[in-house]
């Protein structure tokens, strides 16, 4: 099994942030991610999109139970990739 573990800098916001993998996989790998910091005061989570064999885009998605705004400060995202 091939795997990769990494983290971003404190740069991920509600705008799409590209993570390039250290290697290109033949097919998109299994991707698991979570926030490693809690810099903002509102509840949020990590979303991903556009996963390929070489990269994925992540963003911080803030929910609206406290208020209607969805801006969020930057966070660090940790991730793991697995390819059987």
Foldseek 3Di string as FASTA:
>chain_A
DDKDKDKDDQAAWQDKDKDFDPDFDPFFFDKDKWFPDCPWDFDWTKDWDDTGRTMIIIHIFGDAPPHDDTTTGGTMMIMMTDDD
